[in-house]
N, C-alpha and C. Protein backbone atom coordinates (compact mmCIF):
# COMPACT_ATOMS: atom_id res chain seq x y z
N MET A 1 -8.30 21.19 -109.51
CA MET A 1 -9.03 22.41 -109.80
C MET A 1 -8.39 23.56 -109.01
N VAL A 2 -8.14 24.62 -109.69
CA VAL A 2 -7.55 25.80 -109.06
C VAL A 2 -8.63 26.52 -108.25
N GLN A 3 -8.25 26.96 -107.05
CA GLN A 3 -9.22 27.65 -106.21
C GLN A 3 -9.65 28.95 -106.87
N ASN A 4 -10.88 29.34 -106.59
CA ASN A 4 -11.50 30.55 -107.11
C ASN A 4 -11.76 30.49 -108.62
N GLN A 5 -11.61 29.33 -109.22
CA GLN A 5 -11.94 29.15 -110.64
C GLN A 5 -13.27 28.41 -110.72
N PRO A 6 -14.20 28.91 -111.50
CA PRO A 6 -15.49 28.20 -111.61
C PRO A 6 -15.30 26.87 -112.36
N ALA A 7 -16.05 25.87 -111.97
CA ALA A 7 -15.98 24.57 -112.65
C ALA A 7 -16.71 24.66 -113.99
N PHE A 8 -16.15 24.03 -114.99
CA PHE A 8 -16.79 24.01 -116.31
C PHE A 8 -17.83 22.91 -116.33
N LYS A 9 -18.96 23.19 -116.93
CA LYS A 9 -20.01 22.19 -117.05
C LYS A 9 -19.84 21.47 -118.39
N VAL A 10 -19.69 20.16 -118.31
CA VAL A 10 -19.57 19.36 -119.54
C VAL A 10 -20.49 18.16 -119.43
N ALA A 11 -20.91 17.68 -120.55
CA ALA A 11 -21.78 16.51 -120.58
C ALA A 11 -20.95 15.24 -120.38
N GLU A 12 -21.50 14.32 -119.64
CA GLU A 12 -20.85 13.03 -119.47
C GLU A 12 -21.28 12.13 -120.62
N VAL A 13 -20.33 11.44 -121.21
CA VAL A 13 -20.61 10.56 -122.34
C VAL A 13 -20.42 9.12 -121.90
N GLU A 14 -21.41 8.30 -122.20
CA GLU A 14 -21.32 6.88 -121.87
C GLU A 14 -21.69 6.09 -123.12
N VAL A 15 -20.88 5.10 -123.43
CA VAL A 15 -21.13 4.26 -124.59
C VAL A 15 -21.42 2.84 -124.11
N SER A 16 -22.49 2.25 -124.63
CA SER A 16 -22.81 0.87 -124.27
C SER A 16 -23.37 0.16 -125.49
N TYR A 17 -23.30 -1.16 -125.44
CA TYR A 17 -23.84 -1.98 -126.52
C TYR A 17 -24.52 -3.18 -125.88
N LYS A 18 -25.82 -3.30 -126.10
CA LYS A 18 -26.57 -4.41 -125.53
C LYS A 18 -27.34 -5.11 -126.63
N SER A 19 -27.08 -6.38 -126.77
CA SER A 19 -27.78 -7.19 -127.75
C SER A 19 -28.70 -8.14 -127.01
N ASN A 20 -29.99 -7.99 -127.19
CA ASN A 20 -30.94 -8.85 -126.48
C ASN A 20 -31.60 -9.86 -127.42
N TYR A 21 -30.84 -10.32 -128.41
CA TYR A 21 -31.33 -11.32 -129.34
C TYR A 21 -30.18 -12.21 -129.77
N ASN A 22 -30.53 -13.38 -130.26
CA ASN A 22 -29.54 -14.32 -130.78
C ASN A 22 -29.19 -13.90 -132.20
N ILE A 23 -27.95 -13.58 -132.45
CA ILE A 23 -27.54 -13.05 -133.75
C ILE A 23 -27.81 -14.04 -134.89
N THR A 24 -27.82 -15.33 -134.61
CA THR A 24 -28.07 -16.32 -135.67
C THR A 24 -29.51 -16.28 -136.16
N GLU A 25 -30.40 -15.60 -135.43
CA GLU A 25 -31.79 -15.46 -135.86
C GLU A 25 -31.97 -14.28 -136.81
N ARG A 26 -30.96 -13.46 -136.93
CA ARG A 26 -31.03 -12.28 -137.80
C ARG A 26 -30.77 -12.68 -139.25
N PRO A 27 -31.37 -11.94 -140.20
CA PRO A 27 -31.11 -12.24 -141.62
C PRO A 27 -29.63 -12.07 -141.95
N LYS A 28 -29.17 -12.85 -142.91
CA LYS A 28 -27.80 -12.75 -143.39
C LYS A 28 -27.86 -12.26 -144.84
N ILE A 29 -27.03 -11.28 -145.15
CA ILE A 29 -26.99 -10.71 -146.50
C ILE A 29 -25.85 -11.38 -147.27
N ASN A 30 -26.21 -12.14 -148.30
CA ASN A 30 -25.22 -12.81 -149.14
C ASN A 30 -25.12 -12.20 -150.53
N SER A 31 -26.06 -11.31 -150.88
CA SER A 31 -26.08 -10.73 -152.22
C SER A 31 -26.86 -9.42 -152.20
N SER A 32 -26.73 -8.68 -153.29
CA SER A 32 -27.50 -7.44 -153.41
C SER A 32 -29.00 -7.74 -153.45
N GLN A 33 -29.36 -8.88 -154.00
CA GLN A 33 -30.77 -9.27 -154.05
C GLN A 33 -31.32 -9.49 -152.63
N ASP A 34 -30.53 -10.11 -151.76
CA ASP A 34 -30.93 -10.27 -150.36
C ASP A 34 -31.17 -8.90 -149.72
N ALA A 35 -30.25 -7.98 -149.96
CA ALA A 35 -30.37 -6.64 -149.39
C ALA A 35 -31.61 -5.93 -149.93
N TYR A 36 -31.85 -6.04 -151.23
CA TYR A 36 -33.02 -5.39 -151.84
C TYR A 36 -34.31 -5.94 -151.23
N ARG A 37 -34.40 -7.26 -151.11
CA ARG A 37 -35.61 -7.86 -150.52
C ARG A 37 -35.85 -7.36 -149.10
N LEU A 38 -34.77 -7.29 -148.32
CA LEU A 38 -34.89 -6.80 -146.94
C LEU A 38 -35.31 -5.33 -146.92
N LEU A 39 -34.69 -4.53 -147.77
CA LEU A 39 -35.03 -3.10 -147.82
C LEU A 39 -36.49 -2.89 -148.19
N MET A 40 -36.98 -3.65 -149.14
CA MET A 40 -38.36 -3.47 -149.59
C MET A 40 -39.36 -3.85 -148.50
N GLN A 41 -38.97 -4.71 -147.57
CA GLN A 41 -39.83 -5.05 -146.44
C GLN A 41 -39.91 -3.89 -145.44
N HIS A 42 -38.91 -3.00 -145.48
CA HIS A 42 -38.85 -1.92 -144.50
C HIS A 42 -39.04 -0.53 -145.12
N TRP A 43 -39.31 -0.48 -146.42
CA TRP A 43 -39.49 0.82 -147.08
C TRP A 43 -40.95 1.22 -147.00
N GLN A 44 -41.20 2.51 -146.90
CA GLN A 44 -42.58 3.01 -146.96
C GLN A 44 -42.98 3.05 -148.43
N LEU A 45 -43.63 1.98 -148.89
CA LEU A 45 -43.91 1.83 -150.31
C LEU A 45 -44.87 2.91 -150.84
N ASP A 46 -45.68 3.50 -149.96
CA ASP A 46 -46.57 4.58 -150.40
C ASP A 46 -45.82 5.88 -150.65
N LYS A 47 -44.53 5.92 -150.27
CA LYS A 47 -43.73 7.14 -150.48
C LYS A 47 -42.54 6.92 -151.41
N ILE A 48 -42.34 5.69 -151.87
CA ILE A 48 -41.14 5.38 -152.65
C ILE A 48 -41.09 6.14 -153.98
N GLU A 49 -42.24 6.50 -154.52
CA GLU A 49 -42.29 7.25 -155.77
C GLU A 49 -42.57 8.74 -155.53
N LEU A 50 -42.56 9.13 -154.26
CA LEU A 50 -42.88 10.51 -153.91
C LEU A 50 -41.68 11.26 -153.33
N LEU A 51 -41.01 10.65 -152.33
CA LEU A 51 -39.91 11.31 -151.62
C LEU A 51 -38.67 10.45 -151.65
N GLU A 52 -37.51 11.10 -151.79
CA GLU A 52 -36.25 10.34 -151.73
C GLU A 52 -35.89 10.12 -150.26
N GLN A 53 -35.57 8.86 -149.94
CA GLN A 53 -35.19 8.47 -148.59
C GLN A 53 -33.83 7.78 -148.64
N PHE A 54 -33.06 7.92 -147.57
CA PHE A 54 -31.75 7.28 -147.48
C PHE A 54 -31.75 6.41 -146.24
N LYS A 55 -31.39 5.13 -146.40
CA LYS A 55 -31.35 4.16 -145.31
C LYS A 55 -30.02 3.43 -145.35
N VAL A 56 -29.63 2.87 -144.22
CA VAL A 56 -28.39 2.10 -144.13
C VAL A 56 -28.69 0.78 -143.42
N ILE A 57 -28.22 -0.31 -144.03
CA ILE A 57 -28.28 -1.61 -143.38
C ILE A 57 -26.98 -1.78 -142.60
N LEU A 58 -27.09 -2.06 -141.32
CA LEU A 58 -25.95 -2.24 -140.43
C LEU A 58 -25.67 -3.74 -140.30
N LEU A 59 -24.41 -4.14 -140.51
CA LEU A 59 -24.04 -5.55 -140.50
C LEU A 59 -22.90 -5.83 -139.54
N ASN A 60 -22.85 -7.08 -139.06
CA ASN A 60 -21.68 -7.50 -138.29
C ASN A 60 -20.67 -8.13 -139.25
N THR A 61 -19.60 -8.71 -138.72
CA THR A 61 -18.55 -9.26 -139.58
C THR A 61 -19.02 -10.47 -140.39
N SER A 62 -20.09 -11.13 -139.95
CA SER A 62 -20.64 -12.30 -140.66
C SER A 62 -21.78 -11.93 -141.60
N ASN A 63 -21.95 -10.65 -141.86
CA ASN A 63 -23.03 -10.14 -142.72
C ASN A 63 -24.42 -10.37 -142.14
N ARG A 64 -24.51 -10.53 -140.82
CA ARG A 64 -25.81 -10.61 -140.15
C ARG A 64 -26.31 -9.19 -139.92
N VAL A 65 -27.59 -8.99 -140.13
CA VAL A 65 -28.19 -7.66 -140.03
C VAL A 65 -28.36 -7.27 -138.56
N LEU A 66 -27.74 -6.19 -138.19
CA LEU A 66 -27.91 -5.63 -136.85
C LEU A 66 -29.11 -4.68 -136.81
N GLY A 67 -29.43 -4.09 -137.95
CA GLY A 67 -30.56 -3.17 -138.03
C GLY A 67 -30.56 -2.39 -139.32
N ILE A 68 -31.64 -1.68 -139.53
CA ILE A 68 -31.77 -0.76 -140.67
C ILE A 68 -32.09 0.60 -140.07
N VAL A 69 -31.34 1.61 -140.46
CA VAL A 69 -31.54 2.95 -139.90
C VAL A 69 -31.95 3.92 -141.00
N ASP A 70 -32.98 4.73 -140.69
CA ASP A 70 -33.40 5.81 -141.59
C ASP A 70 -32.47 6.99 -141.34
N ILE A 71 -31.79 7.43 -142.39
CA ILE A 71 -30.84 8.54 -142.25
C ILE A 71 -31.48 9.87 -142.61
N SER A 72 -32.22 9.90 -143.73
CA SER A 72 -32.83 11.17 -144.12
C SER A 72 -34.00 10.96 -145.08
N VAL A 73 -34.85 11.96 -145.12
CA VAL A 73 -35.97 12.02 -146.07
C VAL A 73 -35.88 13.39 -146.73
N GLY A 74 -35.94 13.41 -148.05
CA GLY A 74 -35.84 14.68 -148.77
C GLY A 74 -37.07 14.96 -149.61
N GLY A 75 -36.82 15.51 -150.77
CA GLY A 75 -37.89 15.84 -151.69
C GLY A 75 -37.92 14.88 -152.86
N VAL A 76 -38.46 15.35 -153.95
CA VAL A 76 -38.62 14.51 -155.14
C VAL A 76 -37.28 14.19 -155.78
N SER A 77 -36.34 15.13 -155.72
CA SER A 77 -35.10 14.94 -156.48
C SER A 77 -33.84 14.80 -155.64
N GLY A 78 -33.97 14.66 -154.32
CA GLY A 78 -32.77 14.48 -153.53
C GLY A 78 -33.04 14.51 -152.04
N THR A 79 -32.02 14.09 -151.28
CA THR A 79 -32.06 14.17 -149.83
C THR A 79 -30.65 14.40 -149.32
N LEU A 80 -30.52 15.10 -148.22
CA LEU A 80 -29.22 15.39 -147.63
C LEU A 80 -28.78 14.22 -146.76
N VAL A 81 -27.52 13.84 -146.90
CA VAL A 81 -26.97 12.72 -146.14
C VAL A 81 -25.75 13.23 -145.38
N ASP A 82 -25.79 13.13 -144.06
CA ASP A 82 -24.68 13.57 -143.22
C ASP A 82 -23.85 12.35 -142.83
N PRO A 83 -22.64 12.23 -143.35
CA PRO A 83 -21.79 11.09 -143.02
C PRO A 83 -21.58 10.89 -141.51
N ARG A 84 -21.56 11.99 -140.75
CA ARG A 84 -21.36 11.88 -139.31
C ARG A 84 -22.48 11.08 -138.65
N ILE A 85 -23.70 11.26 -139.13
CA ILE A 85 -24.84 10.51 -138.58
C ILE A 85 -24.68 9.03 -138.90
N ILE A 86 -24.33 8.72 -140.14
CA ILE A 86 -24.16 7.32 -140.54
C ILE A 86 -23.10 6.64 -139.68
N PHE A 87 -21.94 7.26 -139.54
CA PHE A 87 -20.86 6.62 -138.80
C PHE A 87 -21.09 6.65 -137.29
N ALA A 88 -21.82 7.63 -136.79
CA ALA A 88 -22.16 7.64 -135.37
C ALA A 88 -23.05 6.43 -135.05
N VAL A 89 -24.02 6.18 -135.90
CA VAL A 89 -24.90 5.02 -135.70
C VAL A 89 -24.11 3.72 -135.85
N ALA A 90 -23.25 3.65 -136.86
CA ALA A 90 -22.45 2.44 -137.10
C ALA A 90 -21.56 2.14 -135.90
N LEU A 91 -20.94 3.17 -135.34
CA LEU A 91 -20.07 2.97 -134.18
C LEU A 91 -20.88 2.59 -132.94
N LYS A 92 -22.01 3.23 -132.74
CA LYS A 92 -22.85 2.95 -131.57
C LYS A 92 -23.37 1.51 -131.60
N THR A 93 -23.63 0.97 -132.79
CA THR A 93 -24.17 -0.39 -132.91
C THR A 93 -23.08 -1.43 -133.10
N ASN A 94 -21.84 -1.00 -133.07
CA ASN A 94 -20.70 -1.91 -133.24
C ASN A 94 -20.73 -2.61 -134.60
N SER A 95 -21.18 -1.91 -135.60
CA SER A 95 -21.27 -2.46 -136.96
C SER A 95 -19.89 -2.57 -137.58
N SER A 96 -19.69 -3.64 -138.34
CA SER A 96 -18.43 -3.84 -139.06
C SER A 96 -18.56 -3.49 -140.53
N LYS A 97 -19.81 -3.54 -141.04
CA LYS A 97 -20.06 -3.31 -142.45
C LYS A 97 -21.36 -2.53 -142.62
N LEU A 98 -21.46 -1.82 -143.75
CA LEU A 98 -22.66 -1.04 -144.06
C LEU A 98 -23.08 -1.30 -145.50
N ILE A 99 -24.37 -1.28 -145.73
CA ILE A 99 -24.92 -1.23 -147.08
C ILE A 99 -25.76 0.04 -147.15
N LEU A 100 -25.36 0.95 -148.00
CA LEU A 100 -26.08 2.21 -148.20
C LEU A 100 -27.25 1.96 -149.14
N SER A 101 -28.31 2.74 -148.99
CA SER A 101 -29.42 2.61 -149.93
C SER A 101 -30.23 3.90 -149.98
N HIS A 102 -30.75 4.15 -151.14
CA HIS A 102 -31.73 5.23 -151.29
C HIS A 102 -32.60 4.91 -152.49
N ASN A 103 -33.72 5.60 -152.58
CA ASN A 103 -34.63 5.40 -153.70
C ASN A 103 -34.56 6.58 -154.66
N HIS A 104 -34.93 6.33 -155.88
CA HIS A 104 -35.12 7.38 -156.88
C HIS A 104 -36.61 7.43 -157.20
N PRO A 105 -37.33 8.46 -156.71
CA PRO A 105 -38.76 8.55 -156.97
C PRO A 105 -39.12 8.53 -158.45
N SER A 106 -38.20 8.96 -159.30
CA SER A 106 -38.45 8.97 -160.74
C SER A 106 -38.53 7.57 -161.33
N GLY A 107 -37.99 6.58 -160.60
CA GLY A 107 -37.95 5.22 -161.12
C GLY A 107 -36.69 4.94 -161.93
N ASN A 108 -35.88 5.97 -162.19
CA ASN A 108 -34.64 5.83 -162.94
C ASN A 108 -33.58 5.21 -162.02
N LEU A 109 -33.01 4.10 -162.42
CA LEU A 109 -32.03 3.40 -161.58
C LEU A 109 -30.59 3.86 -161.80
N THR A 110 -30.35 4.73 -162.75
CA THR A 110 -28.99 5.19 -163.03
C THR A 110 -28.50 6.10 -161.91
N PRO A 111 -27.33 5.78 -161.32
CA PRO A 111 -26.81 6.64 -160.26
C PRO A 111 -26.36 7.99 -160.81
N SER A 112 -26.67 9.04 -160.06
CA SER A 112 -26.24 10.39 -160.44
C SER A 112 -24.77 10.57 -160.06
N GLU A 113 -24.19 11.65 -160.53
CA GLU A 113 -22.82 11.98 -160.13
C GLU A 113 -22.75 12.22 -158.63
N ALA A 114 -23.79 12.84 -158.07
CA ALA A 114 -23.84 13.06 -156.62
C ALA A 114 -23.88 11.73 -155.87
N ASP A 115 -24.62 10.75 -156.40
CA ASP A 115 -24.66 9.41 -155.79
C ASP A 115 -23.27 8.79 -155.79
N LYS A 116 -22.56 8.92 -156.89
CA LYS A 116 -21.21 8.34 -157.01
C LYS A 116 -20.24 9.01 -156.05
N ARG A 117 -20.31 10.36 -155.96
CA ARG A 117 -19.42 11.09 -155.05
C ARG A 117 -19.68 10.72 -153.59
N LEU A 118 -20.96 10.66 -153.23
CA LEU A 118 -21.32 10.32 -151.86
C LEU A 118 -20.85 8.91 -151.51
N THR A 119 -21.02 7.98 -152.41
CA THR A 119 -20.59 6.60 -152.18
C THR A 119 -19.09 6.56 -151.93
N GLN A 120 -18.32 7.25 -152.74
CA GLN A 120 -16.87 7.28 -152.58
C GLN A 120 -16.47 7.93 -151.26
N LYS A 121 -17.14 9.02 -150.92
CA LYS A 121 -16.85 9.74 -149.67
C LYS A 121 -17.11 8.83 -148.46
N LEU A 122 -18.23 8.12 -148.47
CA LEU A 122 -18.56 7.24 -147.35
C LEU A 122 -17.65 6.02 -147.31
N LYS A 123 -17.27 5.54 -148.47
CA LYS A 123 -16.34 4.40 -148.52
C LYS A 123 -15.00 4.80 -147.91
N GLU A 124 -14.50 5.99 -148.24
CA GLU A 124 -13.23 6.48 -147.68
C GLU A 124 -13.34 6.72 -146.18
N GLY A 125 -14.47 7.28 -145.74
CA GLY A 125 -14.69 7.49 -144.31
C GLY A 125 -14.71 6.17 -143.56
N GLY A 126 -15.34 5.18 -144.16
CA GLY A 126 -15.40 3.86 -143.54
C GLY A 126 -14.02 3.25 -143.37
N LYS A 127 -13.15 3.46 -144.34
CA LYS A 127 -11.78 2.93 -144.26
C LYS A 127 -11.06 3.46 -143.02
N LEU A 128 -11.26 4.74 -142.73
CA LEU A 128 -10.61 5.34 -141.57
C LEU A 128 -11.07 4.70 -140.26
N LEU A 129 -12.31 4.21 -140.25
CA LEU A 129 -12.90 3.65 -139.04
C LEU A 129 -12.93 2.12 -139.04
N ASP A 130 -12.35 1.51 -140.06
CA ASP A 130 -12.41 0.05 -140.23
C ASP A 130 -13.84 -0.45 -140.32
N ILE A 131 -14.68 0.31 -141.00
CA ILE A 131 -16.06 -0.08 -141.27
C ILE A 131 -16.19 -0.17 -142.78
N GLU A 132 -16.44 -1.37 -143.28
CA GLU A 132 -16.50 -1.58 -144.73
C GLU A 132 -17.85 -1.13 -145.28
N VAL A 133 -17.82 -0.29 -146.28
CA VAL A 133 -19.02 0.07 -147.02
C VAL A 133 -19.10 -0.90 -148.19
N CYS A 134 -19.97 -1.89 -148.07
CA CYS A 134 -20.03 -3.03 -149.00
C CYS A 134 -20.74 -2.71 -150.31
N ASP A 135 -21.77 -1.88 -150.24
CA ASP A 135 -22.60 -1.65 -151.43
C ASP A 135 -23.40 -0.38 -151.22
N HIS A 136 -23.90 0.13 -152.32
CA HIS A 136 -24.88 1.22 -152.32
C HIS A 136 -25.96 0.79 -153.30
N ILE A 137 -27.16 0.65 -152.80
CA ILE A 137 -28.26 0.13 -153.61
C ILE A 137 -29.29 1.22 -153.83
N ILE A 138 -29.62 1.46 -155.10
CA ILE A 138 -30.69 2.38 -155.46
C ILE A 138 -31.92 1.53 -155.71
N VAL A 139 -33.01 1.85 -155.02
CA VAL A 139 -34.22 1.03 -155.12
C VAL A 139 -35.37 1.77 -155.77
N THR A 140 -36.22 1.01 -156.42
CA THR A 140 -37.53 1.47 -156.88
C THR A 140 -38.52 0.37 -156.51
N ASN A 141 -39.78 0.61 -156.78
CA ASN A 141 -40.81 -0.40 -156.49
C ASN A 141 -40.54 -1.71 -157.21
N TYR A 142 -39.88 -1.66 -158.35
CA TYR A 142 -39.82 -2.84 -159.22
C TYR A 142 -38.43 -3.42 -159.44
N ASN A 143 -37.39 -2.68 -159.07
CA ASN A 143 -36.05 -3.15 -159.37
C ASN A 143 -35.03 -2.40 -158.52
N TYR A 144 -33.76 -2.70 -158.73
CA TYR A 144 -32.71 -2.02 -157.98
C TYR A 144 -31.43 -1.97 -158.81
N PHE A 145 -30.53 -1.09 -158.37
CA PHE A 145 -29.20 -0.96 -158.95
C PHE A 145 -28.20 -1.14 -157.82
N SER A 146 -27.22 -2.00 -158.01
CA SER A 146 -26.20 -2.25 -157.00
C SER A 146 -24.85 -1.75 -157.49
N PHE A 147 -24.24 -0.83 -156.73
CA PHE A 147 -22.90 -0.36 -157.07
C PHE A 147 -21.91 -1.53 -157.07
N ALA A 148 -22.04 -2.42 -156.11
CA ALA A 148 -21.11 -3.56 -156.01
C ALA A 148 -21.24 -4.48 -157.21
N ASP A 149 -22.48 -4.79 -157.62
CA ASP A 149 -22.69 -5.68 -158.76
C ASP A 149 -22.13 -5.09 -160.04
N GLU A 150 -22.10 -3.76 -160.11
CA GLU A 150 -21.60 -3.07 -161.31
C GLU A 150 -20.12 -2.69 -161.18
N CYS A 151 -19.44 -3.25 -160.17
CA CYS A 151 -18.01 -3.01 -159.93
C CYS A 151 -17.69 -1.52 -159.73
N MET A 152 -18.58 -0.81 -159.04
CA MET A 152 -18.40 0.60 -158.78
C MET A 152 -18.02 0.88 -157.32
N MET A 153 -17.71 -0.17 -156.58
CA MET A 153 -17.31 0.01 -155.18
C MET A 153 -15.80 -0.08 -155.12
């Protein structure tokens, strides 16, 4: 430090990862149906036909679930998704794979062009970080649409 120069104030950053559970006790995702069942256990079913929500299932290399994170809640016809938030959480949890998901309050399972663009954007971002985006699942109370099952990944 040069004399007579004021010190700059900067935040200290610390990264840690603590797992206080046996990973073999966590659910394993082997199919889009497994992911849908898990998502429906964690979705606010009283809001699934009211507000669009975006969630991400975080996975390790063996497809064991590390957690489900709520990314955003929007209105009836959409929600904003910030890729930086998704990848910040994925990196913090040491995730190797992600399954994206959101609901369509209308009940229509057809992905919009915005859904397709977002999926591609997140898939490309994941490649840069060696985090595989395995699927994007659109959910409703009664059914789901899987990008992976439809060969759209």
